[in-house]
């Protein structure tokens, strides 16, 4: 049960703080429906440390583009500052 609470808590934070950057447009992962998958991946990889967990998790999630024929790693759609933001979120969740 604690893992589910942790996933939900992490999902909520990711939903509000991490976004996809397209030109000057920011699409938050909660609005894009990607926050839960990222939270699950991060928890699965957290034993690698916060920064590596963030990078591995962002690389493992593929985002459908257009009709879904093309898939792009989530890591290609977020900025470097967002990767470090995710690292901080993961570090804070470990500290709690």
PDB file of N, CA and C in Angstrom:
ATOM      1  N   UNK A   1       0.828  -1.203   0.000  1.00  0.00           N
ATOM      2  CA  UNK A   1       0.000   0.000   0.000  1.00  0.00           C
ATOM      3  C   UNK A   1       0.868   1.261   0.000  1.00  0.00           C
ATOM      4  N   UNK A   2       1.987   1.248   0.727  1.00  0.00           N
ATOM      5  CA  UNK A   2       2.842   2.429   0.769  1.00  0.00           C
ATOM      6  C   UNK A   2       3.387   2.775  -0.602  1.00  0.00           C
ATOM      7  N   UNK A   3       3.733   1.735  -1.421  1.00  0.00           N
ATOM      8  CA  UNK A   3       4.213   2.012  -2.767  1.00  0.00           C
ATOM      9  C   UNK A   3       3.156   2.730  -3.594  1.00  0.00           C
ATOM     10  N   UNK A   4       1.890   2.340  -3.449  1.00  0.00           N
ATOM     11  CA  UNK A   4       0.818   3.007  -4.180  1.00  0.00           C
ATOM     12  C   UNK A   4       0.689   4.463  -3.737  1.00  0.00           C
ATOM     13  N   UNK A   5       0.800   4.715  -2.454  1.00  0.00           N
ATOM     14  CA  UNK A   5       0.738   6.089  -1.954  1.00  0.00           C
ATOM     15  C   UNK A   5       1.924   6.878  -2.495  1.00  0.00           C
ATOM     16  N   UNK A   6       3.088   6.282  -2.473  1.00  0.00           N
ATOM     17  CA  UNK A   6       4.284   6.935  -2.984  1.00  0.00           C
ATOM     18  C   UNK A   6       4.126   7.227  -4.473  1.00  0.00           C
ATOM     19  N   UNK A   7       3.598   6.278  -5.233  1.00  0.00           N
ATOM     20  CA  UNK A   7       3.373   6.496  -6.662  1.00  0.00           C
ATOM     21  C   UNK A   7       2.396   7.651  -6.860  1.00  0.00           C
ATOM     22  N   UNK A   8       1.322   7.667  -6.106  1.00  0.00           N
ATOM     23  CA  UNK A   8       0.329   8.738  -6.240  1.00  0.00           C
ATOM     24  C   UNK A   8       0.911  10.092  -5.851  1.00  0.00           C
ATOM     25  N   UNK A   9       1.665  10.109  -4.757  1.00  0.00           N
ATOM     26  CA  UNK A   9       2.289  11.366  -4.328  1.00  0.00           C
ATOM     27  C   UNK A   9       3.273  11.861  -5.373  1.00  0.00           C
ATOM     28  N   UNK A  10       4.110  10.956  -5.872  1.00  0.00           N
ATOM     29  CA  UNK A  10       5.096  11.317  -6.878  1.00  0.00           C
ATOM     30  C   UNK A  10       4.411  11.756  -8.166  1.00  0.00           C
ATOM     31  N   UNK A  11       3.366  11.046  -8.542  1.00  0.00           N
ATOM     32  CA  UNK A  11       2.594  11.409  -9.740  1.00  0.00           C
ATOM     33  C   UNK A  11       2.049  12.829  -9.625  1.00  0.00           C
ATOM     34  N   UNK A  12       1.506  13.177  -8.478  1.00  0.00           N
ATOM     35  CA  UNK A  12       0.943  14.519  -8.288  1.00  0.00           C
ATOM     36  C   UNK A  12       2.001  15.599  -8.414  1.00  0.00           C
ATOM     37  N   UNK A  13       3.165  15.364  -7.839  1.00  0.00           N
ATOM     38  CA  UNK A  13       4.244  16.354  -7.923  1.00  0.00           C
ATOM     39  C   UNK A  13       4.734  16.485  -9.361  1.00  0.00           C
ATOM     40  N   UNK A  14       4.962  15.342 -10.014  1.00  0.00           N
ATOM     41  CA  UNK A  14       5.414  15.355 -11.414  1.00  0.00           C
ATOM     42  C   UNK A  14       4.382  16.048 -12.295  1.00  0.00           C
ATOM     43  N   UNK A  15       3.106  15.783 -12.044  1.00  0.00           N
ATOM     44  CA  UNK A  15       2.022  16.384 -12.841  1.00  0.00           C
ATOM     45  C   UNK A  15       2.090  17.898 -12.871  1.00  0.00           C
ATOM     46  N   UNK A  16       2.467  18.470 -11.735  1.00  0.00           N
ATOM     47  CA  UNK A  16       2.447  19.923 -11.590  1.00  0.00           C
ATOM     48  C   UNK A  16       3.769  20.599 -11.901  1.00  0.00           C
ATOM     49  N   UNK A  17       4.878  19.845 -11.901  1.00  0.00           N
ATOM     50  CA  UNK A  17       6.191  20.492 -12.009  1.00  0.00           C
ATOM     51  C   UNK A  17       6.968  20.161 -13.278  1.00  0.00           C
ATOM     52  N   UNK A  18       6.717  19.018 -13.890  1.00  0.00           N
ATOM     53  CA  UNK A  18       7.508  18.595 -15.046  1.00  0.00           C
ATOM     54  C   UNK A  18       6.659  18.758 -16.308  1.00  0.00           C
ATOM     55  N   UNK A  19       7.292  19.325 -17.342  1.00  0.00           N
ATOM     56  CA  UNK A  19       6.555  19.565 -18.581  1.00  0.00           C
ATOM     57  C   UNK A  19       7.375  19.234 -19.807  1.00  0.00           C
ATOM     58  N   UNK A  20       6.654  19.014 -20.896  1.00  0.00           N
ATOM     59  CA  UNK A  20       7.230  18.856 -22.231  1.00  0.00           C
ATOM     60  C   UNK A  20       7.382  20.256 -22.801  1.00  0.00           C
ATOM     61  N   UNK A  21       8.513  20.519 -23.423  1.00  0.00           N
ATOM     62  CA  UNK A  21       8.773  21.841 -24.004  1.00  0.00           C
ATOM     63  C   UNK A  21       8.755  21.701 -25.532  1.00  0.00           C
ATOM     64  N   UNK A  22       7.811  22.376 -26.173  1.00  0.00           N
ATOM     65  CA  UNK A  22       7.731  22.421 -27.629  1.00  0.00           C
ATOM     66  C   UNK A  22       7.722  23.892 -28.020  1.00  0.00           C
ATOM     67  N   UNK A  23       8.796  24.330 -28.669  1.00  0.00           N
ATOM     68  CA  UNK A  23       8.989  25.753 -28.970  1.00  0.00           C
ATOM     69  C   UNK A  23       8.816  26.558 -27.685  1.00  0.00           C
ATOM     70  N   UNK A  24       7.842  27.440 -27.636  1.00  0.00           N
ATOM     71  CA  UNK A  24       7.623  28.255 -26.426  1.00  0.00           C
ATOM     72  C   UNK A  24       6.447  27.751 -25.600  1.00  0.00           C
ATOM     73  N   UNK A  25       6.018  26.551 -25.885  1.00  0.00           N
ATOM     74  CA  UNK A  25       4.827  25.979 -25.282  1.00  0.00           C
ATOM     75  C   UNK A  25       5.229  24.924 -24.254  1.00  0.00           C
ATOM     76  N   UNK A  26       4.652  24.976 -23.057  1.00  0.00           N
ATOM     77  CA  UNK A  26       4.896  23.993 -22.004  1.00  0.00           C
ATOM     78  C   UNK A  26       3.634  23.166 -21.777  1.00  0.00           C
ATOM     79  N   UNK A  27       3.759  21.858 -21.909  1.00  0.00           N
ATOM     80  CA  UNK A  27       2.651  20.948 -21.636  1.00  0.00           C
ATOM     81  C   UNK A  27       3.046  20.102 -20.428  1.00  0.00           C
ATOM     82  N   UNK A  28       2.375  20.343 -19.321  1.00  0.00           N
ATOM     83  CA  UNK A  28       2.687  19.622 -18.092  1.00  0.00           C
ATOM     84  C   UNK A  28       2.302  18.152 -18.233  1.00  0.00           C
ATOM     85  N   UNK A  29       3.105  17.284 -17.632  1.00  0.00           N
ATOM     86  CA  UNK A  29       2.913  15.843 -17.809  1.00  0.00           C
ATOM     87  C   UNK A  29       1.586  15.356 -17.263  1.00  0.00           C
ATOM     88  N   UNK A  30       1.042  16.045 -16.275  1.00  0.00           N
ATOM     89  CA  UNK A  30      -0.288  15.683 -15.790  1.00  0.00           C
ATOM     90  C   UNK A  30      -1.341  15.896 -16.868  1.00  0.00           C
ATOM     91  N   UNK A  31      -1.228  16.999 -17.598  1.00  0.00           N
ATOM     92  CA  UNK A  31      -2.166  17.286 -18.686  1.00  0.00           C
ATOM     93  C   UNK A  31      -1.952  16.348 -19.873  1.00  0.00           C
ATOM     94  N   UNK A  32      -0.706  15.909 -20.065  1.00  0.00           N
ATOM     95  CA  UNK A  32      -0.378  15.022 -21.182  1.00  0.00           C
ATOM     96  C   UNK A  32      -0.672  13.548 -20.869  1.00  0.00           C
ATOM     97  N   UNK A  33      -1.013  13.258 -19.614  1.00  0.00           N
ATOM     98  CA  UNK A  33      -1.299  11.872 -19.235  1.00  0.00           C
ATOM     99  C   UNK A  33      -0.048  11.011 -19.088  1.00  0.00           C
ATOM    100  N   UNK A  34       1.086  11.635 -18.810  1.00  0.00           N
ATOM    101  CA  UNK A  34       2.350  10.909 -18.718  1.00  0.00           C
ATOM    102  C   UNK A  34       2.925  10.845 -17.302  1.00  0.00           C
ATOM    103  N   UNK A  35       2.334  11.557 -16.371  1.00  0.00           N
ATOM    104  CA  UNK A  35       2.900  11.668 -15.028  1.00  0.00           C
ATOM    105  C   UNK A  35       2.929  10.335 -14.288  1.00  0.00           C
ATOM    106  N   UNK A  36       1.883   9.557 -14.368  1.00  0.00           N
ATOM    107  CA  UNK A  36       1.837   8.282 -13.635  1.00  0.00           C
ATOM    108  C   UNK A  36       2.899   7.322 -14.162  1.00  0.00           C
ATOM    109  N   UNK A  37       3.006   7.212 -15.487  1.00  0.00           N
ATOM    110  CA  UNK A  37       4.016   6.314 -16.061  1.00  0.00           C
ATOM    111  C   UNK A  37       5.417   6.730 -15.636  1.00  0.00           C
ATOM    112  N   UNK A  38       5.674   8.033 -15.629  1.00  0.00           N
ATOM    113  CA  UNK A  38       6.984   8.513 -15.214  1.00  0.00           C
ATOM    114  C   UNK A  38       7.222   8.229 -13.731  1.00  0.00           C
ATOM    115  N   UNK A  39       6.218   8.413 -12.905  1.00  0.00           N
ATOM    116  CA  UNK A  39       6.351   8.120 -11.472  1.00  0.00           C
ATOM    117  C   UNK A  39       6.682   6.641 -11.257  1.00  0.00           C
ATOM    118  N   UNK A  40       6.010   5.770 -11.965  1.00  0.00           N
ATOM    119  CA  UNK A  40       6.253   4.325 -11.837  1.00  0.00           C
ATOM    120  C   UNK A  40       7.669   3.989 -12.283  1.00  0.00           C
ATOM    121  N   UNK A  41       8.090   4.542 -13.406  1.00  0.00           N
ATOM    122  CA  UNK A  41       9.458   4.297 -13.892  1.00  0.00           C
ATOM    123  C   UNK A  41      10.493   4.810 -12.904  1.00  0.00           C
ATOM    124  N   UNK A  42      10.271   5.996 -12.376  1.00  0.00           N
ATOM    125  CA  UNK A  42      11.225   6.576 -11.423  1.00  0.00           C
ATOM    126  C   UNK A  42      11.359   5.705 -10.182  1.00  0.00           C
ATOM    127  N   UNK A  43      10.253   5.229  -9.666  1.00  0.00           N
ATOM    128  CA  UNK A  43      10.295   4.362  -8.485  1.00  0.00           C
ATOM    129  C   UNK A  43      11.022   3.061  -8.816  1.00  0.00           C
ATOM    130  N   UNK A  44      10.811   2.554 -10.023  1.00  0.00           N
ATOM    131  CA  UNK A  44      11.486   1.316 -10.438  1.00  0.00           C
ATOM    132  C   UNK A  44      12.995   1.490 -10.547  1.00  0.00           C
ATOM    133  N   UNK A  45      13.435   2.705 -10.855  1.00  0.00           N
ATOM    134  CA  UNK A  45      14.857   2.959 -11.092  1.00  0.00           C
ATOM    135  C   UNK A  45      15.547   3.719  -9.970  1.00  0.00           C
ATOM    136  N   UNK A  46      14.848   4.000  -8.878  1.00  0.00           N
ATOM    137  CA  UNK A  46      15.375   4.875  -7.830  1.00  0.00           C
ATOM    138  C   UNK A  46      16.650   4.324  -7.191  1.00  0.00           C
ATOM    139  N   UNK A  47      16.848   3.001  -7.251  1.00  0.00           N
ATOM    140  CA  UNK A  47      18.066   2.416  -6.671  1.00  0.00           C
ATOM    141  C   UNK A  47      19.322   2.833  -7.439  1.00  0.00           C
ATOM    142  N   UNK A  48      19.173   3.453  -8.604  1.00  0.00           N
ATOM    143  CA  UNK A  48      20.301   3.951  -9.390  1.00  0.00           C
ATOM    144  C   UNK A  48      20.747   5.337  -8.928  1.00  0.00           C
ATOM    145  N   UNK A  49      20.003   5.929  -7.993  1.00  0.00           N
ATOM    146  CA  UNK A  49      20.260   7.294  -7.549  1.00  0.00           C
ATOM    147  C   UNK A  49      19.318   8.239  -8.285  1.00  0.00           C
ATOM    148  N   UNK A  50      19.016   9.390  -7.691  1.00  0.00           N
ATOM    149  CA  UNK A  50      18.014  10.297  -8.264  1.00  0.00           C
ATOM    150  C   UNK A  50      18.301  10.770  -9.695  1.00  0.00           C
ATOM    151  N   UNK A  51      19.525  11.177 -10.000  1.00  0.00           N
ATOM    152  CA  UNK A  51      19.821  11.686 -11.339  1.00  0.00           C
ATOM    153  C   UNK A  51      19.729  10.575 -12.379  1.00  0.00           C
ATOM    154  N   UNK A  52      20.332   9.439 -12.100  1.00  0.00           N
ATOM    155  CA  UNK A  52      20.273   8.320 -13.054  1.00  0.00           C
ATOM    156  C   UNK A  52      18.850   7.808 -13.191  1.00  0.00           C
ATOM    157  N   UNK A  53      18.115   7.750 -12.091  1.00  0.00           N
ATOM    158  CA  UNK A  53      16.717   7.308 -12.151  1.00  0.00           C
ATOM    159  C   UNK A  53      15.910   8.233 -13.051  1.00  0.00           C
ATOM    160  N   UNK A  54      16.145   9.541 -12.925  1.00  0.00           N
ATOM    161  CA  UNK A  54      15.440  10.509 -13.765  1.00  0.00           C
ATOM    162  C   UNK A  54      15.777  10.288 -15.240  1.00  0.00           C
ATOM    163  N   UNK A  55      17.062  10.160 -15.540  1.00  0.00           N
ATOM    164  CA  UNK A  55      17.487   9.991 -16.934  1.00  0.00           C
ATOM    165  C   UNK A  55      16.990   8.680 -17.531  1.00  0.00           C
ATOM    166  N   UNK A  56      17.170   7.589 -16.800  1.00  0.00           N
ATOM    167  CA  UNK A  56      16.731   6.278 -17.288  1.00  0.00           C
ATOM    168  C   UNK A  56      15.222   6.276 -17.521  1.00  0.00           C
ATOM    169  N   UNK A  57      14.488   6.826 -16.565  1.00  0.00           N
ATOM    170  CA  UNK A  57      13.026   6.829 -16.647  1.00  0.00           C
ATOM    171  C   UNK A  57      12.532   7.673 -17.826  1.00  0.00           C
ATOM    172  N   UNK A  58      13.123   8.850 -18.003  1.00  0.00           N
ATOM    173  CA  UNK A  58      12.725   9.710 -19.117  1.00  0.00           C
ATOM    174  C   UNK A  58      13.050   9.062 -20.462  1.00  0.00           C
ATOM    175  N   UNK A  59      14.130   8.315 -20.525  1.00  0.00           N
ATOM    176  CA  UNK A  59      14.492   7.616 -21.766  1.00  0.00           C
ATOM    177  C   UNK A  59      13.592   6.430 -22.051  1.00  0.00           C
ATOM    178  N   UNK A  60      13.077   5.796 -21.007  1.00  0.00           N
ATOM    179  CA  UNK A  60      12.293   4.574 -21.206  1.00  0.00           C
ATOM    180  C   UNK A  60      10.852   4.838 -21.628  1.00  0.00           C
ATOM    181  N   UNK A  61      10.347   6.023 -21.370  1.00  0.00           N
ATOM    182  CA  UNK A  61       8.965   6.342 -21.742  1.00  0.00           C
ATOM    183  C   UNK A  61       8.951   6.902 -23.154  1.00  0.00           C
ATOM    184  N   UNK A  62       8.176   6.270 -24.006  1.00  0.00           N
ATOM    185  CA  UNK A  62       8.044   6.701 -25.396  1.00  0.00           C
ATOM    186  C   UNK A  62       6.715   7.433 -25.567  1.00  0.00           C
ATOM    187  N   UNK A  63       6.783   8.613 -26.158  1.00  0.00           N
ATOM    188  CA  UNK A  63       5.608   9.464 -26.336  1.00  0.00           C
ATOM    189  C   UNK A  63       5.119   9.325 -27.774  1.00  0.00           C
ATOM    190  N   UNK A  64       3.854   9.004 -27.913  1.00  0.00           N
ATOM    191  CA  UNK A  64       3.263   8.894 -29.249  1.00  0.00           C
ATOM    192  C   UNK A  64       3.088  10.287 -29.842  1.00  0.00           C
ATOM    193  N   UNK A  65       3.458  10.419 -31.107  1.00  0.00           N
ATOM    194  CA  UNK A  65       3.337  11.690 -31.812  1.00  0.00           C
ATOM    195  C   UNK A  65       2.383  11.486 -32.986  1.00  0.00           C
ATOM    196  N   UNK A  66       1.512  12.456 -33.195  1.00  0.00           N
ATOM    197  CA  UNK A  66       0.549  12.355 -34.305  1.00  0.00           C
ATOM    198  C   UNK A  66      -0.396  11.192 -34.081  1.00  0.00           C
ATOM    199  N   UNK A  67      -0.505  10.328 -35.083  1.00  0.00           N
ATOM    200  CA  UNK A  67      -1.400   9.178 -35.005  1.00  0.00           C
ATOM    201  C   UNK A  67      -0.819   8.030 -34.192  1.00  0.00           C
ATOM    202  N   UNK A  68       0.362   8.227 -33.634  1.00  0.00           N
ATOM    203  CA  UNK A  68       0.980   7.194 -32.818  1.00  0.00           C
ATOM    204  C   UNK A  68       1.941   6.316 -33.585  1.00  0.00           C
ATOM    205  N   UNK A  69       2.107   6.591 -34.879  1.00  0.00           N
ATOM    206  CA  UNK A  69       3.056   5.810 -35.671  1.00  0.00           C
ATOM    207  C   UNK A  69       4.487   6.099 -35.253  1.00  0.00           C
ATOM    208  N   UNK A  70       4.732   7.319 -34.807  1.00  0.00           N
ATOM    209  CA  UNK A  70       6.055   7.733 -34.335  1.00  0.00           C
ATOM    210  C   UNK A  70       6.035   7.804 -32.812  1.00  0.00           C
ATOM    211  N   UNK A  71       7.122   7.368 -32.200  1.00  0.00           N
ATOM    212  CA  UNK A  71       7.272   7.474 -30.754  1.00  0.00           C
ATOM    213  C   UNK A  71       8.628   8.094 -30.468  1.00  0.00           C
ATOM    214  N   UNK A  72       8.624   9.081 -29.574  1.00  0.00           N
ATOM    215  CA  UNK A  72       9.838   9.816 -29.215  1.00  0.00           C
ATOM    216  C   UNK A  72      10.084   9.618 -27.724  1.00  0.00           C
ATOM    217  N   UNK A  73      11.332   9.371 -27.323  1.00  0.00           N
ATOM    218  CA  UNK A  73      11.603   9.267 -25.883  1.00  0.00           C
ATOM    219  C   UNK A  73      11.240  10.575 -25.175  1.00  0.00           C
ATOM    220  N   UNK A  74      10.631  10.452 -24.022  1.00  0.00           N
ATOM    221  CA  UNK A  74      10.237  11.626 -23.246  1.00  0.00           C
ATOM    222  C   UNK A  74      11.446  12.515 -22.971  1.00  0.00           C
ATOM    223  N   UNK A  75      12.613  11.914 -22.848  1.00  0.00           N
ATOM    224  CA  UNK A  75      13.832  12.683 -22.594  1.00  0.00           C
ATOM    225  C   UNK A  75      14.131  13.692 -23.703  1.00  0.00           C
ATOM    226  N   UNK A  76      13.661  13.436 -24.910  1.00  0.00           N
ATOM    227  CA  UNK A  76      13.887  14.363 -26.025  1.00  0.00           C
ATOM    228  C   UNK A  76      12.956  15.566 -25.980  1.00  0.00           C
ATOM    229  N   UNK A  77      11.957  15.514 -25.118  1.00  0.00           N
ATOM    230  CA  UNK A  77      10.936  16.556 -25.084  1.00  0.00           C
ATOM    231  C   UNK A  77      11.000  17.439 -23.834  1.00  0.00           C
ATOM    232  N   UNK A  78      11.919  17.113 -22.928  1.00  0.00           N
ATOM    233  CA  UNK A  78      12.064  17.925 -21.719  1.00  0.00           C
ATOM    234  C   UNK A  78      13.421  18.634 -21.740  1.00  0.00           C
ATOM    235  N   UNK A  79      13.487  19.760 -21.068  1.00  0.00           N
ATOM    236  CA  UNK A  79      14.732  20.528 -21.014  1.00  0.00           C
ATOM    237  C   UNK A  79      15.663  19.949 -19.955  1.00  0.00           C
ATOM    238  N   UNK A  80      16.924  20.352 -20.011  1.00  0.00           N
ATOM    239  CA  UNK A  80      17.889  19.905 -19.002  1.00  0.00           C
ATOM    240  C   UNK A  80      17.466  20.367 -17.609  1.00  0.00           C
ATOM    241  N   UNK A  81      16.910  21.557 -17.525  1.00  0.00           N
ATOM    242  CA  UNK A  81      16.473  22.045 -16.210  1.00  0.00           C
ATOM    243  C   UNK A  81      15.333  21.191 -15.659  1.00  0.00           C
ATOM    244  N   UNK A  82      14.511  20.637 -16.541  1.00  0.00           N
ATOM    245  CA  UNK A  82      13.433  19.759 -16.088  1.00  0.00           C
ATOM    246  C   UNK A  82      13.980  18.430 -15.586  1.00  0.00           C
ATOM    247  N   UNK A  83      15.057  17.952 -16.201  1.00  0.00           N
ATOM    248  CA  UNK A  83      15.687  16.716 -15.724  1.00  0.00           C
ATOM    249  C   UNK A  83      16.204  16.925 -14.304  1.00  0.00           C
ATOM    250  N   UNK A  84      16.832  18.074 -14.072  1.00  0.00           N
ATOM    251  CA  UNK A  84      17.339  18.368 -12.724  1.00  0.00           C
ATOM    252  C   UNK A  84      16.202  18.617 -11.737  1.00  0.00           C
ATOM    253  N   UNK A  85      15.115  19.173 -12.217  1.00  0.00           N
ATOM    254  CA  UNK A  85      13.921  19.343 -11.364  1.00  0.00           C
ATOM    255  C   UNK A  85      13.400  17.973 -10.937  1.00  0.00           C
ATOM    256  N   UNK A  86      13.342  17.043 -11.881  1.00  0.00           N
ATOM    257  CA  UNK A  86      12.894  15.685 -11.566  1.00  0.00           C
ATOM    258  C   UNK A  86      13.857  15.021 -10.583  1.00  0.00           C
ATOM    259  N   UNK A  87      15.154  15.242 -10.771  1.00  0.00           N
ATOM    260  CA  UNK A  87      16.139  14.708  -9.837  1.00  0.00           C
ATOM    261  C   UNK A  87      15.871  15.234  -8.425  1.00  0.00           C
ATOM    262  N   UNK A  88      15.610  16.526  -8.294  1.00  0.00           N
ATOM    263  CA  UNK A  88      15.314  17.106  -6.981  1.00  0.00           C
ATOM    264  C   UNK A  88      14.053  16.520  -6.378  1.00  0.00           C
ATOM    265  N   UNK A  89      13.038  16.326  -7.202  1.00  0.00           N
ATOM    266  CA  UNK A  89      11.790  15.719  -6.728  1.00  0.00           C
ATOM    267  C   UNK A  89      12.067  14.319  -6.180  1.00  0.00           C
ATOM    268  N   UNK A  90      12.860  13.547  -6.913  1.00  0.00           N
ATOM    269  CA  UNK A  90      13.185  12.191  -6.473  1.00  0.00           C
ATOM    270  C   UNK A  90      14.028  12.205  -5.202  1.00  0.00           C
ATOM    271  N   UNK A  91      14.978  13.117  -5.134  1.00  0.00           N
ATOM    272  CA  UNK A  91      15.810  13.233  -3.930  1.00  0.00           C
ATOM    273  C   UNK A  91      14.948  13.579  -2.718  1.00  0.00           C
ATOM    274  N   UNK A  92      14.029  14.515  -2.888  1.00  0.00           N
ATOM    275  CA  UNK A  92      13.139  14.914  -1.797  1.00  0.00           C
ATOM    276  C   UNK A  92      12.232  13.754  -1.374  1.00  0.00           C
ATOM    277  N   UNK A  93      11.793  12.946  -2.327  1.00  0.00           N
ATOM    278  CA  UNK A  93      10.935  11.816  -1.964  1.00  0.00           C
ATOM    279  C   UNK A  93      11.717  10.745  -1.207  1.00  0.00           C
ATOM    280  N   UNK A  94      13.014  10.633  -1.501  1.00  0.00           N
ATOM    281  CA  UNK A  94      13.866   9.705  -0.747  1.00  0.00           C
ATOM    282  C   UNK A  94      14.112  10.197   0.668  1.00  0.00           C
ATOM    283  N   UNK A  95      14.238  11.502   0.802  1.00  0.00           N
ATOM    284  CA  UNK A  95      14.526  12.101   2.109  1.00  0.00           C
ATOM    285  C   UNK A  95      13.335  12.034   3.055  1.00  0.00           C
ATOM    286  N   UNK A  96      12.124  11.917   2.498  1.00  0.00           N
ATOM    287  CA  UNK A  96      10.914  11.895   3.348  1.00  0.00           C
ATOM    288  C   UNK A  96      10.578  10.539   3.846  1.00  0.00           C
TER     289      UNK A  96
END
